[in-house]
Amino acid sequence: MYSQFRERLEQRLQVFQPQAAPSRLPPLPEGAEALRQALPSLSQLGLGEPLSVPASAFPFYGGEAAGQARLRDYLWASPALRHSGEGRDRLIGSEYSSKFSPWLANGSLSPRRVAAELRRHEAQAGRNDATQSLWLGLLWRDFFRWTLVRHGSALFRAGGVKATRRAPSQLDGRFRRWCLGRTGLPLVDANMRELAATGYLSNRGRQLVASYLIHDLQQDWRHGAAWFEEHLIDYEPASNWGNWAYLAGVASDPQRGRLFNALRQARAYDPDAAYVGLWLPELRHLPQQLRHTPFLLPQLQLQALNYPRLEQIPETWRPYLPRAA
């Protein structure tokens, strides 16, 4: 379990300084020189130039230099790491979390360098909730990697590493609507559209849409994990499939699976419906108190907005509906 992993690791772990880059590399294998050629351009690969998305929570560039710059900025220049009360659960903006994951995923940034730099920051400025959260994120990343090493292909099965537990295995049109951001629940749809447009999603958003697919829509969690695999710019097999299995309750943790009250999450983490308005233009001009609950509108008005009606309102959502409802 993660708690045991973390406890044992923190008792004995020493993070050594990352090694400096070598001054030179060994020679290429014989005959390799003849195979060298310039990297293809995007047009040669049949791709157009990437378009920027102003609303993206990840407005950064790829590559080692960009990753190192983000590490320096976040730990030393940005005030975000010292504002421990404002955490990773925010949905809009680039500073509510480190955003290191895409560079870590493709090897442009070393987790050892992140850990060493974090310790240096704490030695100078002290530890707080935000620095601890970043450290725990690194531990979760390692935990999922070792879970994959230990359990192998079992992590990709319907029952996960708990072969005796059955997760939902059905797949129907609700999965397609979830992919398209057309479920009828605005916060879920906004997150899914951000994912499709940018390849990035907040930690809170990932947990919310995964829980909704598994527990509310009762769909096969593996298809959700595969959708994330196809779209995330920070995709890593262990972290992606490990997190999905954890939320489905088929990972090594003893919990059944994390079930979120989606409307409660909307009220808590997008109280003014700004995030929904950012990614769902069809709802942007609704009164603020209705942006999270357009399913309460008359059918003709909802059709005019070209937004789908929610199939069913769970009883657990009642406390979070507008009072007039």
Protein backbone atom coordinates (compact mmCIF):
# COMPACT_ATOMS: atom_id res chain seq x y z
CA MET A 1 0.00 0.00 0.00
CA TYR A 2 1.09 3.56 -0.60
CA SER A 3 1.05 4.45 3.12
CA GLN A 4 3.47 1.60 3.89
CA PHE A 5 5.62 2.48 0.89
CA ARG A 6 5.86 6.11 1.96
CA GLU A 7 6.59 5.28 5.61
CA ARG A 8 9.42 2.88 4.78
CA LEU A 9 10.86 5.15 2.12
CA GLU A 10 10.93 8.26 4.27
CA GLN A 11 12.69 6.37 7.07
CA ARG A 12 15.75 5.63 4.98
CA LEU A 13 15.68 7.64 1.77
CA GLN A 14 18.54 9.94 0.90
CA VAL A 15 18.23 12.01 -2.24
CA PHE A 16 21.67 12.41 -3.76
CA GLN A 17 22.54 15.28 -6.02
CA PRO A 18 21.98 14.44 -9.69
CA GLN A 19 25.12 13.87 -11.68
CA ALA A 20 26.35 16.56 -14.00
CA ALA A 21 25.96 16.04 -17.72
CA PRO A 22 29.02 14.26 -19.21
CA SER A 23 31.50 16.46 -21.05
CA ARG A 24 31.53 14.04 -23.96
CA LEU A 25 29.75 10.89 -25.11
CA PRO A 26 31.26 7.61 -26.29
CA PRO A 27 31.64 7.25 -30.06
CA LEU A 28 28.73 6.06 -32.15
CA PRO A 29 28.60 2.35 -33.04
CA GLU A 30 30.31 1.38 -36.26
CA GLY A 31 28.16 2.17 -39.28
CA ALA A 32 25.79 4.46 -37.37
CA GLU A 33 27.20 7.63 -38.89
CA ALA A 34 25.82 6.67 -42.30
CA LEU A 35 22.31 6.48 -40.86
CA ARG A 36 22.29 10.01 -39.45
CA GLN A 37 19.85 12.45 -41.01
CA ALA A 38 18.07 15.62 -40.04
CA LEU A 39 14.98 15.40 -37.89
CA PRO A 40 11.81 15.63 -40.01
CA SER A 41 9.76 18.82 -39.88
CA LEU A 42 6.15 18.83 -38.76
CA SER A 43 4.98 19.24 -42.36
CA GLN A 44 7.04 16.22 -43.42
CA LEU A 45 5.23 14.24 -40.73
CA GLY A 46 1.89 15.41 -42.10
CA LEU A 47 1.25 17.75 -39.18
CA GLY A 48 0.47 21.43 -39.04
CA GLU A 49 2.07 23.95 -36.74
CA PRO A 50 0.77 23.69 -33.16
CA LEU A 51 -1.82 26.25 -32.16
CA SER A 52 -1.61 27.93 -28.77
CA VAL A 53 -4.64 27.69 -26.49
CA PRO A 54 -4.76 30.83 -24.34
CA ALA A 55 -6.91 29.20 -21.67
CA SER A 56 -4.52 26.27 -21.16
CA ALA A 57 -3.20 25.57 -17.68
CA PHE A 58 0.02 24.40 -19.34
CA PRO A 59 1.17 27.30 -21.56
CA PHE A 60 4.78 26.09 -21.63
CA TYR A 61 7.19 24.68 -24.20
CA GLY A 62 8.82 21.28 -24.27
CA GLY A 63 12.49 20.41 -23.98
CA GLU A 64 15.15 20.29 -21.28
CA ALA A 65 15.81 24.03 -21.21
CA ALA A 66 12.13 24.80 -20.70
CA GLY A 67 11.86 22.15 -17.97
CA GLN A 68 14.88 23.51 -16.10
CA ALA A 69 13.50 27.04 -16.41
CA ARG A 70 10.14 25.96 -14.99
CA LEU A 71 11.90 24.23 -12.09
CA ARG A 72 13.83 27.42 -11.26
CA ASP A 73 10.81 29.68 -11.67
CA TYR A 74 8.43 27.58 -9.62
CA LEU A 75 10.80 26.95 -6.73
CA TRP A 76 12.55 30.30 -6.58
CA ALA A 77 10.79 33.03 -8.56
CA SER A 78 7.11 32.19 -8.21
CA PRO A 79 5.31 32.91 -4.91
CA ALA A 80 3.09 29.86 -5.47
CA LEU A 81 5.19 27.49 -3.39
CA ARG A 82 5.02 29.78 -0.37
CA HIS A 83 1.24 30.21 -0.55
CA SER A 84 0.48 26.87 1.02
CA GLY A 85 -3.20 27.70 1.51
CA GLU A 86 -3.74 27.79 -2.25
CA GLY A 87 -3.12 24.28 -3.44
CA ARG A 88 -3.22 22.01 -6.39
CA ASP A 89 -7.01 21.86 -6.47
CA ARG A 90 -7.42 25.08 -8.42
CA LEU A 91 -8.63 24.66 -11.99
CA ILE A 92 -7.56 27.85 -13.81
CA GLY A 93 -4.05 29.18 -14.24
CA SER A 94 -0.49 27.88 -14.51
CA GLU A 95 0.77 28.51 -10.97
CA TYR A 96 -1.53 26.40 -8.81
CA SER A 97 0.79 23.38 -9.20
CA SER A 98 4.31 22.68 -10.39
CA LYS A 99 3.36 21.43 -13.89
CA PHE A 100 6.58 19.37 -13.89
CA SER A 101 4.82 16.19 -15.05
CA PRO A 102 5.16 16.60 -18.86
CA TRP A 103 8.94 17.14 -18.59
CA LEU A 104 9.26 14.29 -16.10
CA ALA A 105 7.23 12.01 -18.35
CA ASN A 106 9.46 12.43 -21.41
CA GLY A 107 12.79 12.61 -19.58
CA SER A 108 13.46 16.32 -20.04
CA LEU A 109 13.54 16.77 -16.27
CA SER A 110 14.99 14.37 -13.71
CA PRO A 111 12.90 13.50 -10.63
CA ARG A 112 16.15 13.35 -8.67
CA ARG A 113 16.94 16.93 -9.70
CA VAL A 114 13.45 18.04 -8.67
CA ALA A 115 13.82 16.33 -5.28
CA ALA A 116 17.30 17.77 -4.67
CA GLU A 117 16.19 21.28 -5.63
CA LEU A 118 13.12 20.96 -3.43
CA ARG A 119 15.29 20.01 -0.45
CA ARG A 120 17.54 23.00 -1.15
CA HIS A 121 14.49 25.26 -1.22
CA GLU A 122 13.20 23.86 2.08
CA ALA A 123 16.61 24.28 3.69
CA GLN A 124 16.54 27.98 2.86
CA ALA A 125 12.84 28.89 3.10
CA GLY A 126 11.39 26.14 5.28
CA ARG A 127 8.86 23.39 4.66
CA ASN A 128 5.16 24.09 4.25
CA ASP A 129 2.08 22.34 2.89
CA ALA A 130 2.96 23.20 -0.70
CA THR A 131 6.51 21.82 -0.55
CA GLN A 132 5.24 18.71 1.19
CA SER A 133 2.59 18.26 -1.50
CA LEU A 134 5.26 18.40 -4.19
CA TRP A 135 7.34 15.82 -2.33
CA LEU A 136 4.36 13.49 -1.95
CA GLY A 137 3.66 13.83 -5.65
CA LEU A 138 7.14 12.51 -6.38
CA LEU A 139 6.56 9.60 -3.98
CA TRP A 140 3.24 8.73 -5.63
CA ARG A 141 5.01 8.70 -8.99
CA ASP A 142 7.59 6.24 -7.69
CA PHE A 143 4.94 4.15 -5.95
CA PHE A 144 3.04 3.61 -9.20
CA ARG A 145 6.25 2.79 -11.06
CA TRP A 146 7.13 0.10 -8.53
CA THR A 147 3.52 -1.16 -8.58
CA LEU A 148 3.88 -1.73 -12.32
CA VAL A 149 7.25 -3.45 -11.81
CA ARG A 150 5.74 -5.75 -9.20
CA HIS A 151 2.39 -6.58 -10.81
CA GLY A 152 3.15 -6.17 -14.51
CA SER A 153 0.26 -6.69 -16.90
CA ALA A 154 -2.20 -7.27 -14.03
CA LEU A 155 -2.45 -3.49 -13.73
CA PHE A 156 -4.15 -3.35 -17.15
CA ARG A 157 -6.83 -5.98 -16.45
CA ALA A 158 -10.44 -5.21 -15.52
CA GLY A 159 -9.87 -6.44 -11.96
CA GLY A 160 -6.52 -4.68 -11.68
CA VAL A 161 -4.15 -6.10 -9.08
CA LYS A 162 -7.19 -7.25 -7.06
CA ALA A 163 -8.19 -10.19 -9.19
CA THR A 164 -11.14 -10.97 -6.88
CA ARG A 165 -12.77 -7.56 -7.24
CA ARG A 166 -14.94 -6.68 -10.22
CA ALA A 167 -15.04 -3.14 -11.54
CA PRO A 168 -17.72 -1.94 -14.00
CA SER A 169 -17.06 -3.52 -17.40
CA GLN A 170 -19.89 -2.16 -19.56
CA LEU A 171 -19.30 0.28 -22.38
CA ASP A 172 -22.07 2.21 -24.12
CA GLY A 173 -22.91 5.61 -25.57
CA ARG A 174 -22.29 7.32 -22.24
CA PHE A 175 -18.58 6.66 -22.63
CA ARG A 176 -18.58 8.41 -26.00
CA ARG A 177 -20.40 11.40 -24.55
CA TRP A 178 -17.88 11.51 -21.71
CA CYS A 179 -15.02 11.58 -24.23
CA LEU A 180 -16.63 14.44 -26.15
CA GLY A 181 -17.46 16.49 -23.07
CA ARG A 182 -21.19 16.07 -23.65
CA THR A 183 -22.40 14.29 -20.48
CA GLY A 184 -24.69 17.10 -19.37
CA LEU A 185 -22.68 17.78 -16.20
CA PRO A 186 -20.77 21.01 -16.92
CA LEU A 187 -17.73 20.54 -14.67
CA VAL A 188 -17.02 17.09 -16.11
CA ASP A 189 -17.59 18.34 -19.66
CA ALA A 190 -15.34 21.38 -19.15
CA ASN A 191 -12.49 19.17 -17.95
CA MET A 192 -12.89 16.76 -20.83
CA ARG A 193 -12.81 19.58 -23.35
CA GLU A 194 -9.70 21.07 -21.78
CA LEU A 195 -8.04 17.67 -22.03
CA ALA A 196 -8.95 17.31 -25.71
CA ALA A 197 -7.82 20.86 -26.56
CA THR A 198 -4.57 21.01 -24.60
CA GLY A 199 -3.47 17.52 -23.52
CA TYR A 200 -3.37 18.66 -19.92
CA LEU A 201 -5.71 18.48 -16.95
CA SER A 202 -5.45 19.47 -13.29
CA ASN A 203 -5.06 16.81 -10.61
CA ARG A 204 -8.53 17.60 -9.27
CA GLY A 205 -10.01 17.44 -12.77
CA ARG A 206 -8.45 14.05 -13.51
CA GLN A 207 -9.86 12.52 -10.35
CA LEU A 208 -13.28 14.04 -10.91
CA VAL A 209 -13.79 12.87 -14.50
CA ALA A 210 -12.39 9.41 -13.74
CA SER A 211 -14.63 8.94 -10.71
CA TYR A 212 -17.63 10.15 -12.71
CA LEU A 213 -16.97 7.69 -15.54
CA ILE A 214 -16.46 4.75 -13.19
CA HIS A 215 -18.97 5.31 -10.41
CA ASP A 216 -21.69 7.53 -11.89
CA LEU A 217 -21.71 6.25 -15.47
CA GLN A 218 -20.61 2.70 -14.51
CA GLN A 219 -18.28 2.40 -17.49
CA ASP A 220 -15.15 0.26 -17.90
CA TRP A 221 -12.30 2.16 -16.24
CA ARG A 222 -9.75 0.78 -18.71
CA HIS A 223 -11.31 2.70 -21.58
CA GLY A 224 -11.03 5.90 -19.59
CA ALA A 225 -7.37 5.14 -18.91
CA ALA A 226 -6.83 4.48 -22.61
CA TRP A 227 -8.47 7.82 -23.49
CA PHE A 228 -6.09 9.59 -21.11
CA GLU A 229 -3.19 7.64 -22.61
CA GLU A 230 -4.11 8.93 -26.05
CA HIS A 231 -4.47 12.58 -25.02
CA LEU A 232 -2.21 13.46 -22.08
CA ILE A 233 1.07 15.21 -22.83
CA ASP A 234 2.40 13.92 -19.49
CA TYR A 235 1.30 10.33 -20.04
CA GLU A 236 3.31 7.66 -18.22
CA PRO A 237 2.00 4.07 -18.13
CA ALA A 238 2.52 3.52 -14.41
CA SER A 239 1.07 6.82 -13.17
CA ASN A 240 -1.86 6.85 -15.57
CA TRP A 241 -3.01 3.26 -15.14
CA GLY A 242 -2.09 3.20 -11.47
CA ASN A 243 -4.22 6.26 -10.73
CA TRP A 244 -7.17 4.90 -12.71
CA ALA A 245 -6.96 1.53 -10.95
CA TYR A 246 -6.78 3.31 -7.61
CA LEU A 247 -9.93 5.31 -8.36
CA ALA A 248 -11.68 2.17 -9.59
CA GLY A 249 -10.81 0.38 -6.36
CA VAL A 250 -8.77 -2.35 -8.06
CA ALA A 251 -5.29 -1.16 -7.05
CA SER A 252 -3.24 -2.39 -4.11
CA ASP A 253 -4.78 0.13 -1.72
CA PRO A 254 -7.53 -1.39 0.47
CA GLN A 255 -10.06 1.38 -0.31
CA ARG A 256 -12.99 0.44 -2.50
CA GLY A 257 -12.42 3.30 -4.89
CA ARG A 258 -12.82 7.02 -4.67
CA LEU A 259 -16.36 8.18 -5.33
CA PHE A 260 -16.77 11.94 -5.74
CA ASN A 261 -20.02 13.84 -5.46
CA ALA A 262 -19.57 15.67 -8.75
CA LEU A 263 -21.91 18.57 -8.03
CA ARG A 264 -20.39 19.10 -4.61
CA GLN A 265 -16.98 19.22 -6.28
CA ALA A 266 -18.28 21.83 -8.70
CA ARG A 267 -19.54 24.04 -5.89
CA ALA A 268 -16.30 23.64 -3.91
CA TYR A 269 -13.69 24.06 -6.64
CA ASP A 270 -15.47 26.24 -9.19
CA PRO A 271 -17.79 28.28 -6.96
CA ASP A 272 -18.27 31.12 -9.43
CA ALA A 273 -18.47 28.74 -12.43
CA ALA A 274 -15.53 30.56 -14.06
CA TYR A 275 -13.90 27.31 -15.18
CA VAL A 276 -17.14 26.05 -16.74
CA GLY A 277 -17.58 29.37 -18.51
CA LEU A 278 -14.01 29.20 -19.81
CA TRP A 279 -14.37 25.81 -21.53
CA LEU A 280 -18.10 25.62 -22.30
CA PRO A 281 -18.90 28.68 -24.41
CA GLU A 282 -22.51 27.55 -24.86
CA LEU A 283 -23.07 28.05 -21.10
CA ARG A 284 -20.93 31.16 -20.69
CA HIS A 285 -23.86 33.59 -20.76
CA LEU A 286 -26.08 31.72 -18.33
CA PRO A 287 -26.51 33.24 -14.88
CA GLN A 288 -23.66 32.13 -12.65
CA GLN A 289 -25.91 30.12 -10.33
CA LEU A 290 -27.17 28.02 -13.26
CA ARG A 291 -23.92 27.25 -15.08
CA HIS A 292 -23.34 24.13 -13.00
CA THR A 293 -26.98 23.02 -13.24
CA PRO A 294 -28.27 23.69 -16.77
CA PHE A 295 -30.25 20.45 -16.50
CA LEU A 296 -32.75 22.48 -14.44
CA LEU A 297 -33.58 24.68 -17.43
CA PRO A 298 -36.68 24.10 -19.56
CA GLN A 299 -36.10 21.65 -22.40
CA LEU A 300 -36.52 24.24 -25.17
CA GLN A 301 -33.98 26.58 -23.58
CA LEU A 302 -31.48 23.76 -23.20
CA GLN A 303 -31.97 22.77 -26.83
CA ALA A 304 -31.38 26.38 -27.89
CA LEU A 305 -28.05 26.28 -26.04
CA ASN A 306 -27.14 23.04 -27.87
CA TYR A 307 -26.17 21.43 -24.58
CA PRO A 308 -27.24 17.89 -23.63
CA ARG A 309 -29.63 17.23 -20.79
CA LEU A 310 -28.37 15.15 -17.90
CA GLU A 311 -30.06 11.76 -17.86
CA GLN A 312 -30.51 11.49 -14.10
CA ILE A 313 -29.99 13.73 -11.05
CA PRO A 314 -28.59 11.68 -8.14
CA GLU A 315 -30.30 12.17 -4.81
CA THR A 316 -26.93 13.01 -3.24
CA TRP A 317 -26.79 16.16 -5.37
CA ARG A 318 -29.91 17.67 -3.81
CA PRO A 319 -28.07 19.71 -1.13
CA TYR A 320 -25.97 21.38 -3.84
CA LEU A 321 -28.78 22.36 -6.20
CA PRO A 322 -29.95 25.99 -6.34
CA ARG A 323 -32.36 26.57 -3.48
CA ALA A 324 -35.24 27.32 -5.79
CA ALA A 325 -34.89 23.79 -7.20
